[in-house]
Protein backbone atom coordinates (compact mmCIF):
# COMPACT_ATOMS: atom_id res chain seq x y z
CA MET A 1 -11.18 -137.05 -63.77
CA LEU A 2 -13.27 -135.89 -66.49
CA VAL A 3 -16.72 -138.26 -66.88
CA VAL A 4 -18.86 -137.79 -69.90
CA GLN A 5 -22.43 -139.05 -69.93
CA GLU A 6 -23.27 -141.40 -72.47
CA GLU A 7 -25.81 -138.19 -73.73
CA ASP A 8 -22.94 -136.49 -74.35
CA LYS A 9 -20.92 -138.20 -76.76
CA LEU A 10 -20.55 -136.81 -80.27
CA GLU A 11 -21.18 -139.58 -82.82
CA PRO A 12 -17.97 -141.59 -83.79
CA VAL A 13 -15.99 -139.65 -85.60
CA ASP A 14 -15.55 -141.21 -89.49
CA LYS A 15 -13.36 -140.55 -91.92
CA HIS A 16 -14.30 -142.45 -94.67
CA ARG A 17 -17.92 -140.33 -95.13
CA ALA A 18 -18.46 -137.59 -97.22
CA LEU A 19 -21.86 -136.03 -97.78
CA ILE A 20 -22.41 -134.61 -100.94
CA ILE A 21 -25.59 -131.91 -101.66
CA ILE A 22 -26.66 -132.30 -104.89
CA ASP A 23 -27.32 -128.85 -107.09
CA MET A 24 -29.57 -127.08 -104.23
CA GLN A 25 -29.42 -123.43 -105.94
CA ARG A 26 -31.58 -120.83 -106.46
CA ASP A 27 -32.54 -121.64 -110.00
CA PHE A 28 -34.25 -124.78 -108.71
CA LEU A 29 -35.42 -124.40 -105.74
CA GLU A 30 -36.93 -121.25 -105.65
CA LYS A 31 -40.12 -119.60 -107.12
CA GLY A 32 -39.89 -118.23 -111.00
CA ARG A 33 -36.81 -119.09 -111.73
CA ALA A 34 -35.54 -121.02 -114.65
CA LEU A 35 -36.02 -124.71 -113.31
CA PHE A 36 -37.99 -124.72 -110.62
CA CYS A 37 -38.63 -127.91 -108.78
CA GLY A 38 -41.87 -126.67 -107.15
CA GLU A 39 -42.76 -126.66 -103.83
CA HIS A 40 -42.58 -130.01 -102.72
CA ALA A 41 -39.11 -130.26 -103.56
CA ARG A 42 -38.13 -127.30 -101.04
CA GLN A 43 -39.04 -129.52 -98.12
CA VAL A 44 -36.06 -131.08 -98.61
CA ILE A 45 -34.94 -128.29 -97.58
CA GLU A 46 -35.28 -128.03 -93.60
CA PRO A 47 -33.67 -132.15 -94.03
CA ILE A 48 -30.88 -131.02 -95.81
CA GLN A 49 -29.80 -128.90 -92.89
CA GLU A 50 -30.42 -131.48 -90.56
CA LEU A 51 -27.66 -133.57 -92.09
CA ILE A 52 -25.57 -131.31 -92.45
CA ASP A 53 -25.57 -130.77 -88.96
CA GLN A 54 -25.08 -134.25 -87.96
CA GLU A 55 -21.94 -135.19 -90.39
CA ARG A 56 -20.72 -132.07 -89.14
CA ALA A 57 -20.84 -133.42 -85.88
CA ARG A 58 -19.29 -136.73 -86.69
CA SER A 59 -16.19 -134.53 -88.38
CA THR A 60 -17.99 -135.80 -92.01
CA THR A 61 -16.17 -134.23 -95.43
CA VAL A 62 -18.97 -131.88 -96.52
CA PHE A 63 -19.13 -131.56 -100.28
CA PHE A 64 -21.64 -129.46 -102.46
CA THR A 65 -22.28 -129.51 -105.97
CA ALA A 66 -23.33 -126.44 -108.45
CA ASP A 67 -25.05 -127.24 -111.80
CA THR A 68 -22.36 -124.21 -113.66
CA HIS A 69 -22.94 -123.43 -117.14
CA SER A 70 -21.74 -121.07 -119.73
CA PRO A 71 -24.65 -119.29 -121.71
CA ASP A 72 -23.71 -121.49 -124.95
CA ASP A 73 -24.02 -125.44 -123.16
CA LEU A 74 -25.71 -127.69 -125.52
CA GLU A 75 -27.81 -128.70 -122.25
CA PHE A 76 -29.82 -125.80 -123.42
CA ASN A 77 -31.20 -126.86 -126.17
CA MET A 78 -33.01 -129.42 -123.51
CA PHE A 79 -33.81 -127.49 -120.71
CA PRO A 80 -34.51 -123.47 -120.25
CA PRO A 81 -31.32 -121.65 -119.09
CA HIS A 82 -30.19 -121.92 -116.12
CA CYS A 83 -27.04 -121.73 -113.91
CA LEU A 84 -25.18 -119.98 -115.48
CA ARG A 85 -21.79 -119.14 -114.53
CA GLY A 86 -21.27 -116.12 -111.50
CA SER A 87 -25.40 -115.71 -112.38
CA LEU A 88 -27.85 -115.81 -109.05
CA GLY A 89 -29.35 -118.46 -110.01
CA ALA A 90 -26.43 -120.32 -109.97
CA GLN A 91 -25.70 -119.57 -106.15
CA VAL A 92 -26.56 -122.05 -103.03
CA ILE A 93 -29.44 -120.76 -101.83
CA PRO A 94 -29.63 -118.44 -98.70
CA GLU A 95 -31.18 -121.27 -96.05
CA LEU A 96 -27.98 -123.74 -96.98
CA ALA A 97 -25.31 -120.98 -98.10
CA THR A 98 -25.02 -120.29 -94.31
CA ARG A 99 -23.55 -123.74 -94.13
CA LEU A 100 -20.58 -123.27 -97.04
CA ASP A 101 -17.85 -122.77 -94.65
CA ASN A 102 -15.13 -125.46 -94.49
CA THR A 103 -16.89 -127.59 -97.29
CA ILE A 104 -16.17 -128.28 -100.77
CA LEU A 105 -18.26 -126.96 -103.89
CA ILE A 106 -17.97 -128.67 -106.75
CA GLU A 107 -19.10 -126.91 -110.05
CA LYS A 108 -20.17 -129.28 -112.72
CA GLN A 109 -21.28 -128.72 -116.73
CA ARG A 110 -23.43 -132.33 -117.20
CA PHE A 111 -25.35 -134.61 -114.53
CA SER A 112 -23.16 -136.22 -112.93
CA ALA A 113 -20.78 -134.23 -109.96
CA PHE A 114 -18.31 -136.79 -111.27
CA PHE A 115 -18.19 -136.43 -115.27
CA ASN A 116 -14.98 -133.32 -116.03
CA THR A 117 -14.95 -132.15 -112.10
CA ASN A 118 -12.20 -132.99 -109.49
CA LEU A 119 -15.00 -134.76 -106.96
CA ASP A 120 -13.03 -138.71 -107.44
CA GLU A 121 -9.46 -137.12 -106.54
CA HIS A 122 -10.82 -134.81 -103.45
CA LEU A 123 -12.86 -138.01 -101.86
CA GLN A 124 -9.80 -140.81 -103.05
CA GLU A 125 -6.71 -138.14 -101.19
CA LYS A 126 -9.17 -137.76 -97.89
CA GLY A 127 -9.44 -141.99 -98.38
CA ILE A 128 -13.40 -141.65 -98.63
CA ASN A 129 -15.61 -144.82 -99.45
CA ILE A 130 -18.96 -144.36 -98.17
CA LEU A 131 -21.42 -141.15 -99.60
CA THR A 132 -24.57 -140.25 -98.31
CA ILE A 133 -25.50 -138.54 -101.43
CA CYS A 134 -29.20 -135.98 -101.24
CA GLY A 135 -30.62 -132.49 -103.42
CA VAL A 136 -32.45 -132.33 -106.55
CA CYS A 137 -33.44 -133.70 -108.87
CA THR A 138 -33.73 -137.15 -107.56
CA GLU A 139 -33.78 -138.76 -111.51
CA ILE A 140 -31.23 -136.60 -112.87
CA CYS A 141 -28.26 -135.38 -111.19
CA VAL A 142 -28.77 -136.97 -108.01
CA LEU A 143 -29.57 -140.13 -109.72
CA HIS A 144 -26.77 -140.10 -112.47
CA THR A 145 -24.09 -139.29 -109.52
CA VAL A 146 -25.00 -142.07 -107.64
CA ALA A 147 -24.35 -144.30 -111.08
CA ASP A 148 -20.84 -142.60 -111.40
CA ALA A 149 -20.40 -143.47 -107.52
CA ARG A 150 -21.75 -147.22 -107.72
CA ASN A 151 -19.20 -147.73 -110.70
CA ARG A 152 -16.23 -146.61 -108.89
CA ASP A 153 -17.06 -148.65 -105.76
CA TYR A 154 -17.95 -146.02 -102.56
CA ALA A 155 -20.79 -147.29 -100.81
CA VAL A 156 -23.92 -145.07 -100.97
CA GLU A 157 -26.20 -143.96 -98.89
CA ILE A 158 -29.75 -142.14 -100.08
CA PRO A 159 -31.62 -140.21 -98.06
CA ARG A 160 -35.29 -140.67 -98.27
CA ASP A 161 -36.46 -137.20 -97.06
CA CYS A 162 -33.54 -135.10 -98.60
CA VAL A 163 -33.85 -136.04 -102.47
CA ALA A 164 -36.78 -134.69 -104.40
CA SER A 165 -38.08 -133.64 -108.22
CA PHE A 166 -39.93 -132.09 -110.31
CA ASP A 167 -41.89 -135.07 -111.27
CA LYS A 168 -43.05 -137.40 -108.96
CA GLU A 169 -43.16 -140.10 -111.25
CA ALA A 170 -39.79 -140.22 -111.89
CA HIS A 171 -38.46 -139.93 -108.36
CA LEU A 172 -39.86 -142.98 -107.40
CA PHE A 173 -38.71 -144.83 -110.38
CA ALA A 174 -34.96 -143.66 -109.62
CA LEU A 175 -35.26 -144.33 -105.85
CA HIS A 176 -36.38 -147.76 -106.83
CA HIS A 177 -33.51 -147.88 -109.92
CA MET A 178 -30.28 -146.53 -107.08
CA GLU A 179 -31.68 -149.24 -104.90
CA LYS A 180 -32.57 -152.40 -106.48
CA ILE A 181 -30.07 -151.74 -109.83
CA LEU A 182 -27.54 -149.29 -109.04
CA GLY A 183 -27.43 -151.20 -105.10
CA ALA A 184 -27.63 -148.07 -103.11
CA ARG A 185 -29.14 -148.10 -99.47
CA ILE A 186 -31.99 -145.86 -99.44
CA ILE A 187 -32.04 -144.23 -95.77
CA GLN A 188 -35.13 -143.03 -94.39
CA GLY A 189 -33.41 -140.10 -93.20
CA THR A 190 -33.21 -137.58 -90.68
CA LYS A 191 -36.95 -137.74 -89.15
CA ASN A 192 -36.13 -141.96 -88.74
CA GLU A 193 -39.63 -142.02 -89.55
């Protein structure tokens, strides 16, 4: 007879959950790149690595999104060209690229990971109804993805230590807005602070 001690047990498998990692790409997270979010944004890399590992241990489905643009994208009327399809800047950062195996990559052209993508179809096919969303930038692609998720009646959690922005005030506004207006749950994150 096999006896499993309490500390050896893995977290329960939850097939109704997904982890969505937003735009952790070189153009946003490497100094000198097109839209570098700043050194403080790089502080979410390690907590996101830990979160991926935790969720994989629970057999959670993991998605990465990748901001992906053509050279004539109208978004470049607002922002400098970035994350051009096939470019080095569009790649997931090396610190997370090692965790891309057995994940689903969603290329997106706009702020929301739901807009003109097949993300919702993937989630529905898998019967997922709870999303943990993290990445950059909190008030741009994270916020718009959370809004679209809530408009589709997904429950959403945002680990506070796994989101970041180049604009601290906008970051704090977005966290407040996602919690108080959109009904997302802001959780402490991987450090259990």
